[in-house]
Amino acid sequence: MKPMPDGVFAGSDMAAAVCIRTFQERGVRVPQDIAVVGFNNEVVGKLITPSLTTVNYPAREMGAAAAGMLVDHLKGTGKIGSISRLTIRADLIVRQSSVKKG
């Protein structure tokens, strides 16, 4: 693309790792030319070079909350539709793929 975007946010760490490798094969430097961020905090993010910045989301907590809402709905003690918002904290783990040096 021209102009090249500042960064890529991939839907998974594996997709981000493929992006990094593809950029490197084409002479695009990560993070100097383009930043890359993934999602999932998968092991691959620590194994690639540069290491991958990622969003660490609490999958177990999300699943437990969803299961609890479903059980309450099935018991008749809660309505799924009555819950307008449930916020579960996710963390950004900053690694080398998004940090531009000097």
PDB file of N, CA and C in Angstrom:
ATOM      1  N   MET A   1       0.849  -1.189   0.000  1.00  0.00           N
ATOM      2  CA  MET A   1       0.000   0.000   0.000  1.00  0.00           C
ATOM      3  C   MET A   1       0.884   1.238   0.000  1.00  0.00           C
ATOM      4  N   LYS A   2       0.411   2.239  -0.650  1.00  0.00           N
ATOM      5  CA  LYS A   2       1.105   3.514  -0.616  1.00  0.00           C
ATOM      6  C   LYS A   2       0.097   4.592  -0.267  1.00  0.00           C
ATOM      7  N   PRO A   3       0.275   5.315   0.797  1.00  0.00           N
ATOM      8  CA  PRO A   3       1.366   5.120   1.744  1.00  0.00           C
ATOM      9  C   PRO A   3       1.125   3.890   2.611  1.00  0.00           C
ATOM     10  N   MET A   4       2.213   3.318   3.106  1.00  0.00           N
ATOM     11  CA  MET A   4       2.114   2.141   3.963  1.00  0.00           C
ATOM     12  C   MET A   4       1.500   2.536   5.307  1.00  0.00           C
ATOM     13  N   PRO A   5       0.610   1.690   5.846  1.00  0.00           N
ATOM     14  CA  PRO A   5       0.029   2.001   7.164  1.00  0.00           C
ATOM     15  C   PRO A   5       1.103   1.967   8.248  1.00  0.00           C
ATOM     16  N   ASP A   6       0.800   2.585   9.377  1.00  0.00           N
ATOM     17  CA  ASP A   6       1.721   2.587  10.505  1.00  0.00           C
ATOM     18  C   ASP A   6       1.807   1.216  11.156  1.00  0.00           C
ATOM     19  N   GLY A   7       0.702   0.458  11.068  1.00  0.00           N
ATOM     20  CA  GLY A   7       0.706  -0.824  11.748  1.00  0.00           C
ATOM     21  C   GLY A   7      -0.400  -1.749  11.275  1.00  0.00           C
ATOM     22  N   VAL A   8      -0.301  -2.984  11.752  1.00  0.00           N
ATOM     23  CA  VAL A   8      -1.280  -4.024  11.457  1.00  0.00           C
ATOM     24  C   VAL A   8      -1.741  -4.601  12.786  1.00  0.00           C
ATOM     25  N   PHE A   9      -3.061  -4.717  12.945  1.00  0.00           N
ATOM     26  CA  PHE A   9      -3.617  -5.430  14.097  1.00  0.00           C
ATOM     27  C   PHE A   9      -4.257  -6.692  13.544  1.00  0.00           C
ATOM     28  N   ALA A  10      -3.674  -7.842  13.858  1.00  0.00           N
ATOM     29  CA  ALA A  10      -4.153  -9.117  13.330  1.00  0.00           C
ATOM     30  C   ALA A  10      -5.139  -9.747  14.310  1.00  0.00           C
ATOM     31  N   GLY A  11      -6.029 -10.566  13.787  1.00  0.00           N
ATOM     32  CA  GLY A  11      -7.062 -11.209  14.597  1.00  0.00           C
ATOM     33  C   GLY A  11      -6.555 -12.318  15.493  1.00  0.00           C
ATOM     34  N   SER A  12      -5.333 -12.763  15.274  1.00  0.00           N
ATOM     35  CA  SER A  12      -4.724 -13.784  16.137  1.00  0.00           C
ATOM     36  C   SER A  12      -3.216 -13.611  16.102  1.00  0.00           C
ATOM     37  N   ASP A  13      -2.546 -14.186  17.064  1.00  0.00           N
ATOM     38  CA  ASP A  13      -1.090 -14.120  17.081  1.00  0.00           C
ATOM     39  C   ASP A  13      -0.492 -14.902  15.918  1.00  0.00           C
ATOM     40  N   MET A  14      -1.114 -16.006  15.537  1.00  0.00           N
ATOM     41  CA  MET A  14      -0.600 -16.780  14.410  1.00  0.00           C
ATOM     42  C   MET A  14      -0.667 -15.954  13.127  1.00  0.00           C
ATOM     43  N   ALA A  15      -1.772 -15.261  12.909  1.00  0.00           N
ATOM     44  CA  ALA A  15      -1.890 -14.399  11.732  1.00  0.00           C
ATOM     45  C   ALA A  15      -0.857 -13.280  11.784  1.00  0.00           C
ATOM     46  N   ALA A  16      -0.619 -12.720  12.949  1.00  0.00           N
ATOM     47  CA  ALA A  16       0.378 -11.660  13.101  1.00  0.00           C
ATOM     48  C   ALA A  16       1.776 -12.197  12.814  1.00  0.00           C
ATOM     49  N   ALA A  17       2.064 -13.411  13.266  1.00  0.00           N
ATOM     50  CA  ALA A  17       3.369 -14.026  13.002  1.00  0.00           C
ATOM     51  C   ALA A  17       3.582 -14.218  11.500  1.00  0.00           C
ATOM     52  N   VAL A  18       2.541 -14.627  10.789  1.00  0.00           N
ATOM     53  CA  VAL A  18       2.626 -14.771   9.332  1.00  0.00           C
ATOM     54  C   VAL A  18       2.860 -13.414   8.685  1.00  0.00           C
ATOM     55  N   CYS A  19       2.192 -12.377   9.191  1.00  0.00           N
ATOM     56  CA  CYS A  19       2.416 -11.013   8.679  1.00  0.00           C
ATOM     57  C   CYS A  19       3.877 -10.609   8.852  1.00  0.00           C
ATOM     58  N   ILE A  20       4.418 -10.835  10.035  1.00  0.00           N
ATOM     59  CA  ILE A  20       5.809 -10.460  10.304  1.00  0.00           C
ATOM     60  C   ILE A  20       6.749 -11.177   9.343  1.00  0.00           C
ATOM     61  N   ARG A  21       6.542 -12.469   9.191  1.00  0.00           N
ATOM     62  CA  ARG A  21       7.417 -13.243   8.289  1.00  0.00           C
ATOM     63  C   ARG A  21       7.289 -12.758   6.843  1.00  0.00           C
ATOM     64  N   THR A  22       6.071 -12.486   6.420  1.00  0.00           N
ATOM     65  CA  THR A  22       5.839 -12.000   5.055  1.00  0.00           C
ATOM     66  C   THR A  22       6.485 -10.640   4.851  1.00  0.00           C
ATOM     67  N   PHE A  23       6.333  -9.747   5.826  1.00  0.00           N
ATOM     68  CA  PHE A  23       6.994  -8.443   5.728  1.00  0.00           C
ATOM     69  C   PHE A  23       8.504  -8.621   5.608  1.00  0.00           C
ATOM     70  N   GLN A  24       9.075  -9.459   6.464  1.00  0.00           N
ATOM     71  CA  GLN A  24      10.517  -9.665   6.456  1.00  0.00           C
ATOM     72  C   GLN A  24      10.989 -10.214   5.109  1.00  0.00           C
ATOM     73  N   GLU A  25      10.232 -11.137   4.540  1.00  0.00           N
ATOM     74  CA  GLU A  25      10.596 -11.708   3.235  1.00  0.00           C
ATOM     75  C   GLU A  25      10.593 -10.650   2.137  1.00  0.00           C
ATOM     76  N   ARG A  26       9.820  -9.594   2.322  1.00  0.00           N
ATOM     77  CA  ARG A  26       9.710  -8.539   1.318  1.00  0.00           C
ATOM     78  C   ARG A  26      10.553  -7.307   1.661  1.00  0.00           C
ATOM     79  N   GLY A  27      11.391  -7.442   2.686  1.00  0.00           N
ATOM     80  CA  GLY A  27      12.286  -6.355   3.055  1.00  0.00           C
ATOM     81  C   GLY A  27      11.660  -5.258   3.883  1.00  0.00           C
ATOM     82  N   VAL A  28      10.472  -5.480   4.403  1.00  0.00           N
ATOM     83  CA  VAL A  28       9.810  -4.505   5.276  1.00  0.00           C
ATOM     84  C   VAL A  28      10.221  -4.816   6.711  1.00  0.00           C
ATOM     85  N   ARG A  29      10.767  -3.827   7.386  1.00  0.00           N
ATOM     86  CA  ARG A  29      11.279  -4.044   8.746  1.00  0.00           C
ATOM     87  C   ARG A  29      10.180  -3.842   9.791  1.00  0.00           C
ATOM     88  N   VAL A  30      10.107  -4.776  10.720  1.00  0.00           N
ATOM     89  CA  VAL A  30       9.161  -4.709  11.839  1.00  0.00           C
ATOM     90  C   VAL A  30       9.999  -4.495  13.094  1.00  0.00           C
ATOM     91  N   PRO A  31       9.775  -3.459  13.859  1.00  0.00           N
ATOM     92  CA  PRO A  31       8.731  -2.444  13.813  1.00  0.00           C
ATOM     93  C   PRO A  31       9.152  -1.134  13.152  1.00  0.00           C
ATOM     94  N   GLN A  32      10.362  -1.052  12.610  1.00  0.00           N
ATOM     95  CA  GLN A  32      10.847   0.225  12.074  1.00  0.00           C
ATOM     96  C   GLN A  32       9.947   0.770  10.961  1.00  0.00           C
ATOM     97  N   ASP A  33       9.521  -0.106  10.040  1.00  0.00           N
ATOM     98  CA  ASP A  33       8.683   0.332   8.924  1.00  0.00           C
ATOM     99  C   ASP A  33       7.197   0.171   9.204  1.00  0.00           C
ATOM    100  N   ILE A  34       6.852  -0.855   9.965  1.00  0.00           N
ATOM    101  CA  ILE A  34       5.448  -1.125  10.280  1.00  0.00           C
ATOM    102  C   ILE A  34       5.375  -1.897  11.603  1.00  0.00           C
ATOM    103  N   ALA A  35       4.457  -1.500  12.451  1.00  0.00           N
ATOM    104  CA  ALA A  35       4.237  -2.196  13.728  1.00  0.00           C
ATOM    105  C   ALA A  35       3.229  -3.319  13.514  1.00  0.00           C
ATOM    106  N   VAL A  36       3.368  -4.392  14.302  1.00  0.00           N
ATOM    107  CA  VAL A  36       2.441  -5.520  14.202  1.00  0.00           C
ATOM    108  C   VAL A  36       1.982  -5.891  15.606  1.00  0.00           C
ATOM    109  N   VAL A  37       0.668  -6.052  15.757  1.00  0.00           N
ATOM    110  CA  VAL A  37       0.074  -6.453  17.037  1.00  0.00           C
ATOM    111  C   VAL A  37      -0.865  -7.620  16.783  1.00  0.00           C
ATOM    112  N   GLY A  38      -0.812  -8.612  17.653  1.00  0.00           N
ATOM    113  CA  GLY A  38      -1.678  -9.780  17.532  1.00  0.00           C
ATOM    114  C   GLY A  38      -2.738  -9.811  18.617  1.00  0.00           C
ATOM    115  N   PHE A  39      -3.408 -10.938  18.689  1.00  0.00           N
ATOM    116  CA  PHE A  39      -4.493 -11.119  19.653  1.00  0.00           C
ATOM    117  C   PHE A  39      -4.516 -12.568  20.083  1.00  0.00           C
ATOM    118  N   ASN A  40      -4.492 -12.844  21.341  1.00  0.00           N
ATOM    119  CA  ASN A  40      -4.600 -14.177  21.953  1.00  0.00           C
ATOM    120  C   ASN A  40      -3.499 -14.458  22.957  1.00  0.00           C
ATOM    121  N   ASN A  41      -2.343 -13.824  22.823  1.00  0.00           N
ATOM    122  CA  ASN A  41      -1.176 -14.125  23.650  1.00  0.00           C
ATOM    123  C   ASN A  41      -0.782 -15.598  23.522  1.00  0.00           C
ATOM    124  N   GLU A  42      -0.645 -16.036  22.281  1.00  0.00           N
ATOM    125  CA  GLU A  42      -0.223 -17.410  22.009  1.00  0.00           C
ATOM    126  C   GLU A  42       1.293 -17.532  22.134  1.00  0.00           C
ATOM    127  N   VAL A  43       1.771 -18.730  22.302  1.00  0.00           N
ATOM    128  CA  VAL A  43       3.199 -18.998  22.472  1.00  0.00           C
ATOM    129  C   VAL A  43       4.010 -18.498  21.278  1.00  0.00           C
ATOM    130  N   VAL A  44       3.445 -18.572  20.089  1.00  0.00           N
ATOM    131  CA  VAL A  44       4.174 -18.153  18.891  1.00  0.00           C
ATOM    132  C   VAL A  44       4.671 -16.714  19.007  1.00  0.00           C
ATOM    133  N   GLY A  45       3.981 -15.894  19.756  1.00  0.00           N
ATOM    134  CA  GLY A  45       4.372 -14.496  19.909  1.00  0.00           C
ATOM    135  C   GLY A  45       5.710 -14.315  20.582  1.00  0.00           C
ATOM    136  N   LYS A  46       6.097 -15.256  21.422  1.00  0.00           N
ATOM    137  CA  LYS A  46       7.397 -15.198  22.088  1.00  0.00           C
ATOM    138  C   LYS A  46       8.485 -15.871  21.262  1.00  0.00           C
ATOM    139  N   LEU A  47       8.100 -16.703  20.316  1.00  0.00           N
ATOM    140  CA  LEU A  47       9.067 -17.479  19.549  1.00  0.00           C
ATOM    141  C   LEU A  47       9.559 -16.784  18.294  1.00  0.00           C
ATOM    142  N   ILE A  48       8.786 -15.830  17.781  1.00  0.00           N
ATOM    143  CA  ILE A  48       9.188 -15.157  16.552  1.00  0.00           C
ATOM    144  C   ILE A  48      10.083 -13.966  16.872  1.00  0.00           C
ATOM    145  N   THR A  49      10.772 -13.492  15.843  1.00  0.00           N
ATOM    146  CA  THR A  49      11.626 -12.314  15.980  1.00  0.00           C
ATOM    147  C   THR A  49      11.188 -11.288  14.965  1.00  0.00           C
ATOM    148  N   PRO A  50      10.857 -10.092  15.408  1.00  0.00           N
ATOM    149  CA  PRO A  50      10.809  -9.623  16.787  1.00  0.00           C
ATOM    150  C   PRO A  50       9.622 -10.239  17.531  1.00  0.00           C
ATOM    151  N   SER A  51       9.761 -10.299  18.848  1.00  0.00           N
ATOM    152  CA  SER A  51       8.661 -10.841  19.640  1.00  0.00           C
ATOM    153  C   SER A  51       7.417  -9.972  19.447  1.00  0.00           C
ATOM    154  N   LEU A  52       6.255 -10.596  19.590  1.00  0.00           N
ATOM    155  CA  LEU A  52       4.993  -9.986  19.176  1.00  0.00           C
ATOM    156  C   LEU A  52       4.256  -9.288  20.312  1.00  0.00           C
ATOM    157  N   THR A  53       3.913  -8.030  20.081  1.00  0.00           N
ATOM    158  CA  THR A  53       2.981  -7.329  20.965  1.00  0.00           C
ATOM    159  C   THR A  53       1.607  -7.953  20.753  1.00  0.00           C
ATOM    160  N   THR A  54       0.875  -8.175  21.847  1.00  0.00           N
ATOM    161  CA  THR A  54      -0.392  -8.893  21.730  1.00  0.00           C
ATOM    162  C   THR A  54      -1.391  -8.440  22.782  1.00  0.00           C
ATOM    163  N   VAL A  55      -2.643  -8.733  22.522  1.00  0.00           N
ATOM    164  CA  VAL A  55      -3.699  -8.505  23.503  1.00  0.00           C
ATOM    165  C   VAL A  55      -3.925  -9.822  24.230  1.00  0.00           C
ATOM    166  N   ASN A  56      -3.778  -9.793  25.529  1.00  0.00           N
ATOM    167  CA  ASN A  56      -4.016 -10.973  26.361  1.00  0.00           C
ATOM    168  C   ASN A  56      -5.426 -10.862  26.917  1.00  0.00           C
ATOM    169  N   TYR A  57      -6.316 -11.687  26.418  1.00  0.00           N
ATOM    170  CA  TYR A  57      -7.701 -11.608  26.884  1.00  0.00           C
ATOM    171  C   TYR A  57      -8.007 -12.834  27.732  1.00  0.00           C
ATOM    172  N   PRO A  58      -8.833 -12.665  28.742  1.00  0.00           N
ATOM    173  CA  PRO A  58      -9.124 -13.737  29.688  1.00  0.00           C
ATOM    174  C   PRO A  58     -10.214 -14.688  29.162  1.00  0.00           C
ATOM    175  N   ALA A  59      -9.845 -15.625  28.326  1.00  0.00           N
ATOM    176  CA  ALA A  59     -10.814 -16.527  27.698  1.00  0.00           C
ATOM    177  C   ALA A  59     -11.602 -17.327  28.737  1.00  0.00           C
ATOM    178  N   ARG A  60     -10.933 -17.810  29.762  1.00  0.00           N
ATOM    179  CA  ARG A  60     -11.648 -18.583  30.796  1.00  0.00           C
ATOM    180  C   ARG A  60     -12.691 -17.746  31.505  1.00  0.00           C
ATOM    181  N   GLU A  61     -12.318 -16.536  31.850  1.00  0.00           N
ATOM    182  CA  GLU A  61     -13.248 -15.644  32.541  1.00  0.00           C
ATOM    183  C   GLU A  61     -14.439 -15.324  31.637  1.00  0.00           C
ATOM    184  N   MET A  62     -14.173 -15.114  30.355  1.00  0.00           N
ATOM    185  CA  MET A  62     -15.256 -14.833  29.417  1.00  0.00           C
ATOM    186  C   MET A  62     -16.182 -16.043  29.294  1.00  0.00           C
ATOM    187  N   GLY A  63     -15.608 -17.219  29.178  1.00  0.00           N
ATOM    188  CA  GLY A  63     -16.409 -18.432  29.075  1.00  0.00           C
ATOM    189  C   GLY A  63     -17.225 -18.689  30.331  1.00  0.00           C
ATOM    190  N   ALA A  64     -16.603 -18.471  31.494  1.00  0.00           N
ATOM    191  CA  ALA A  64     -17.313 -18.678  32.760  1.00  0.00           C
ATOM    192  C   ALA A  64     -18.480 -17.700  32.898  1.00  0.00           C
ATOM    193  N   ALA A  65     -18.268 -16.454  32.497  1.00  0.00           N
ATOM    194  CA  ALA A  65     -19.339 -15.457  32.577  1.00  0.00           C
ATOM    195  C   ALA A  65     -20.487 -15.833  31.647  1.00  0.00           C
ATOM    196  N   ALA A  66     -20.153 -16.250  30.429  1.00  0.00           N
ATOM    197  CA  ALA A  66     -21.192 -16.640  29.470  1.00  0.00           C
ATOM    198  C   ALA A  66     -21.949 -17.875  29.960  1.00  0.00           C
ATOM    199  N   ALA A  67     -21.223 -18.857  30.483  1.00  0.00           N
ATOM    200  CA  ALA A  67     -21.873 -20.066  30.988  1.00  0.00           C
ATOM    201  C   ALA A  67     -22.774 -19.735  32.174  1.00  0.00           C
ATOM    202  N   GLY A  68     -22.314 -18.862  33.057  1.00  0.00           N
ATOM    203  CA  GLY A  68     -23.125 -18.460  34.207  1.00  0.00           C
ATOM    204  C   GLY A  68     -24.413 -17.770  33.781  1.00  0.00           C
ATOM    205  N   MET A  69     -24.331 -16.899  32.776  1.00  0.00           N
ATOM    206  CA  MET A  69     -25.528 -16.223  32.274  1.00  0.00           C
ATOM    207  C   MET A  69     -26.495 -17.224  31.652  1.00  0.00           C
ATOM    208  N   LEU A  70     -25.955 -18.194  30.918  1.00  0.00           N
ATOM    209  CA  LEU A  70     -26.799 -19.204  30.291  1.00  0.00           C
ATOM    210  C   LEU A  70     -27.491 -20.070  31.342  1.00  0.00           C
ATOM    211  N   VAL A  71     -26.749 -20.496  32.357  1.00  0.00           N
ATOM    212  CA  VAL A  71     -27.335 -21.316  33.424  1.00  0.00           C
ATOM    213  C   VAL A  71     -28.436 -20.539  34.140  1.00  0.00           C
ATOM    214  N   ASP A  72     -28.176 -19.281  34.458  1.00  0.00           N
ATOM    215  CA  ASP A  72     -29.200 -18.467  35.110  1.00  0.00           C
ATOM    216  C   ASP A  72     -30.440 -18.338  34.232  1.00  0.00           C
ATOM    217  N   HIS A  73     -30.229 -18.167  32.948  1.00  0.00           N
ATOM    218  CA  HIS A  73     -31.354 -18.065  32.011  1.00  0.00           C
ATOM    219  C   HIS A  73     -32.156 -19.368  31.992  1.00  0.00           C
ATOM    220  N   LEU A  74     -31.463 -20.498  31.949  1.00  0.00           N
ATOM    221  CA  LEU A  74     -32.143 -21.793  31.916  1.00  0.00           C
ATOM    222  C   LEU A  74     -32.883 -22.089  33.212  1.00  0.00           C
ATOM    223  N   LYS A  75     -32.363 -21.591  34.328  1.00  0.00           N
ATOM    224  CA  LYS A  75     -33.027 -21.771  35.620  1.00  0.00           C
ATOM    225  C   LYS A  75     -34.197 -20.816  35.798  1.00  0.00           C
ATOM    226  N   GLY A  76     -34.273 -19.815  34.925  1.00  0.00           N
ATOM    227  CA  GLY A  76     -35.333 -18.826  35.042  1.00  0.00           C
ATOM    228  C   GLY A  76     -35.013 -17.711  36.005  1.00  0.00           C
ATOM    229  N   THR A  77     -33.757 -17.640  36.474  1.00  0.00           N
ATOM    230  CA  THR A  77     -33.381 -16.595  37.429  1.00  0.00           C
ATOM    231  C   THR A  77     -32.722 -15.393  36.768  1.00  0.00           C
ATOM    232  N   GLY A  78     -32.502 -15.476  35.490  1.00  0.00           N
ATOM    233  CA  GLY A  78     -31.888 -14.358  34.780  1.00  0.00           C
ATOM    234  C   GLY A  78     -32.281 -14.398  33.314  1.00  0.00           C
ATOM    235  N   LYS A  79     -32.244 -13.260  32.703  1.00  0.00           N
ATOM    236  CA  LYS A  79     -32.563 -13.187  31.282  1.00  0.00           C
ATOM    237  C   LYS A  79     -31.325 -12.716  30.532  1.00  0.00           C
ATOM    238  N   ILE A  80     -30.947 -13.463  29.536  1.00  0.00           N
ATOM    239  CA  ILE A  80     -29.769 -13.104  28.762  1.00  0.00           C
ATOM    240  C   ILE A  80     -29.945 -11.727  28.132  1.00  0.00           C
ATOM    241  N   GLY A  81     -31.125 -11.446  27.625  1.00  0.00           N
ATOM    242  CA  GLY A  81     -31.378 -10.170  26.974  1.00  0.00           C
ATOM    243  C   GLY A  81     -31.347  -8.982  27.909  1.00  0.00           C
ATOM    244  N   SER A  82     -31.487  -9.219  29.221  1.00  0.00           N
ATOM    245  CA  SER A  82     -31.521  -8.099  30.158  1.00  0.00           C
ATOM    246  C   SER A  82     -30.129  -7.581  30.496  1.00  0.00           C
ATOM    247  N   ILE A  83     -29.118  -8.315  30.127  1.00  0.00           N
ATOM    248  CA  ILE A  83     -27.753  -7.865  30.396  1.00  0.00           C
ATOM    249  C   ILE A  83     -27.301  -7.016  29.220  1.00  0.00           C
ATOM    250  N   SER A  84     -27.104  -5.751  29.477  1.00  0.00           N
ATOM    251  CA  SER A  84     -26.736  -4.870  28.381  1.00  0.00           C
ATOM    252  C   SER A  84     -25.233  -4.806  28.170  1.00  0.00           C
ATOM    253  N   ARG A  85     -24.458  -5.024  29.231  1.00  0.00           N
ATOM    254  CA  ARG A  85     -23.022  -4.906  29.086  1.00  0.00           C
ATOM    255  C   ARG A  85     -22.302  -5.708  30.169  1.00  0.00           C
ATOM    256  N   LEU A  86     -21.275  -6.391  29.760  1.00  0.00           N
ATOM    257  CA  LEU A  86     -20.392  -7.090  30.684  1.00  0.00           C
ATOM    258  C   LEU A  86     -18.983  -6.736  30.271  1.00  0.00           C
ATOM    259  N   THR A  87     -18.228  -6.136  31.155  1.00  0.00           N
ATOM    260  CA  THR A  87     -16.871  -5.710  30.836  1.00  0.00           C
ATOM    261  C   THR A  87     -15.878  -6.655  31.494  1.00  0.00           C
ATOM    262  N   ILE A  88     -15.023  -7.208  30.681  1.00  0.00           N
ATOM    263  CA  ILE A  88     -13.953  -8.076  31.177  1.00  0.00           C
ATOM    264  C   ILE A  88     -12.638  -7.468  30.716  1.00  0.00           C
ATOM    265  N   ARG A  89     -11.748  -7.263  31.632  1.00  0.00           N
ATOM    266  CA  ARG A  89     -10.486  -6.584  31.353  1.00  0.00           C
ATOM    267  C   ARG A  89      -9.547  -7.461  30.519  1.00  0.00           C
ATOM    268  N   ALA A  90      -8.942  -6.844  29.523  1.00  0.00           N
ATOM    269  CA  ALA A  90      -7.896  -7.470  28.729  1.00  0.00           C
ATOM    270  C   ALA A  90      -6.641  -6.607  28.876  1.00  0.00           C
ATOM    271  N   ASP A  91      -5.496  -7.197  28.662  1.00  0.00           N
ATOM    272  CA  ASP A  91      -4.241  -6.464  28.816  1.00  0.00           C
ATOM    273  C   ASP A  91      -3.467  -6.447  27.510  1.00  0.00           C
ATOM    274  N   LEU A  92      -2.765  -5.373  27.278  1.00  0.00           N
ATOM    275  CA  LEU A  92      -1.864  -5.275  26.140  1.00  0.00           C
ATOM    276  C   LEU A  92      -0.472  -5.640  26.627  1.00  0.00           C
ATOM    277  N   ILE A  93       0.113  -6.650  26.006  1.00  0.00           N
ATOM    278  CA  ILE A  93       1.478  -7.064  26.346  1.00  0.00           C
ATOM    279  C   ILE A  93       2.376  -6.494  25.260  1.00  0.00           C
ATOM    280  N   VAL A  94       3.147  -5.480  25.624  1.00  0.00           N
ATOM    281  CA  VAL A  94       3.998  -4.792  24.657  1.00  0.00           C
ATOM    282  C   VAL A  94       5.325  -5.527  24.542  1.00  0.00           C
ATOM    283  N   ARG A  95       5.617  -5.938  23.301  1.00  0.00           N
ATOM    284  CA  ARG A  95       6.896  -6.579  23.000  1.00  0.00           C
ATOM    285  C   ARG A  95       7.541  -5.844  21.825  1.00  0.00           C
ATOM    286  N   GLN A  96       8.530  -6.413  21.221  1.00  0.00           N
ATOM    287  CA  GLN A  96       9.360  -5.738  20.222  1.00  0.00           C
ATOM    288  C   GLN A  96       8.650  -5.364  18.924  1.00  0.00           C
ATOM    289  N   SER A  97       7.613  -6.067  18.534  1.00  0.00           N
ATOM    290  CA  SER A  97       7.010  -5.848  17.208  1.00  0.00           C
ATOM    291  C   SER A  97       6.292  -4.517  17.051  1.00  0.00           C
ATOM    292  N   SER A  98       6.125  -3.787  18.141  1.00  0.00           N
ATOM    293  CA  SER A  98       5.400  -2.516  18.033  1.00  0.00           C
ATOM    294  C   SER A  98       6.179  -1.339  18.607  1.00  0.00           C
ATOM    295  N   VAL A  99       7.392  -1.577  19.052  1.00  0.00           N
ATOM    296  CA  VAL A  99       8.161  -0.530  19.711  1.00  0.00           C
ATOM    297  C   VAL A  99       9.240  -0.014  18.762  1.00  0.00           C
ATOM    298  N   LYS A 100       9.038   1.200  18.275  1.00  0.00           N
ATOM    299  CA  LYS A 100      10.034   1.814  17.386  1.00  0.00           C
ATOM    300  C   LYS A 100      11.109   2.474  18.221  1.00  0.00           C
ATOM    301  N   LYS A 101      12.329   2.157  17.925  1.00  0.00           N
ATOM    302  CA  LYS A 101      13.452   2.709  18.698  1.00  0.00           C
ATOM    303  C   LYS A 101      13.998   3.934  18.001  1.00  0.00           C
ATOM    304  N   GLY A 102      14.236   4.970  18.846  1.00  0.00           N
ATOM    305  CA  GLY A 102      14.865   6.216  18.487  1.00  0.00           C
ATOM    306  C   GLY A 102      14.799   6.623  17.121  1.00  0.00           C
TER     307      GLY A 102
END
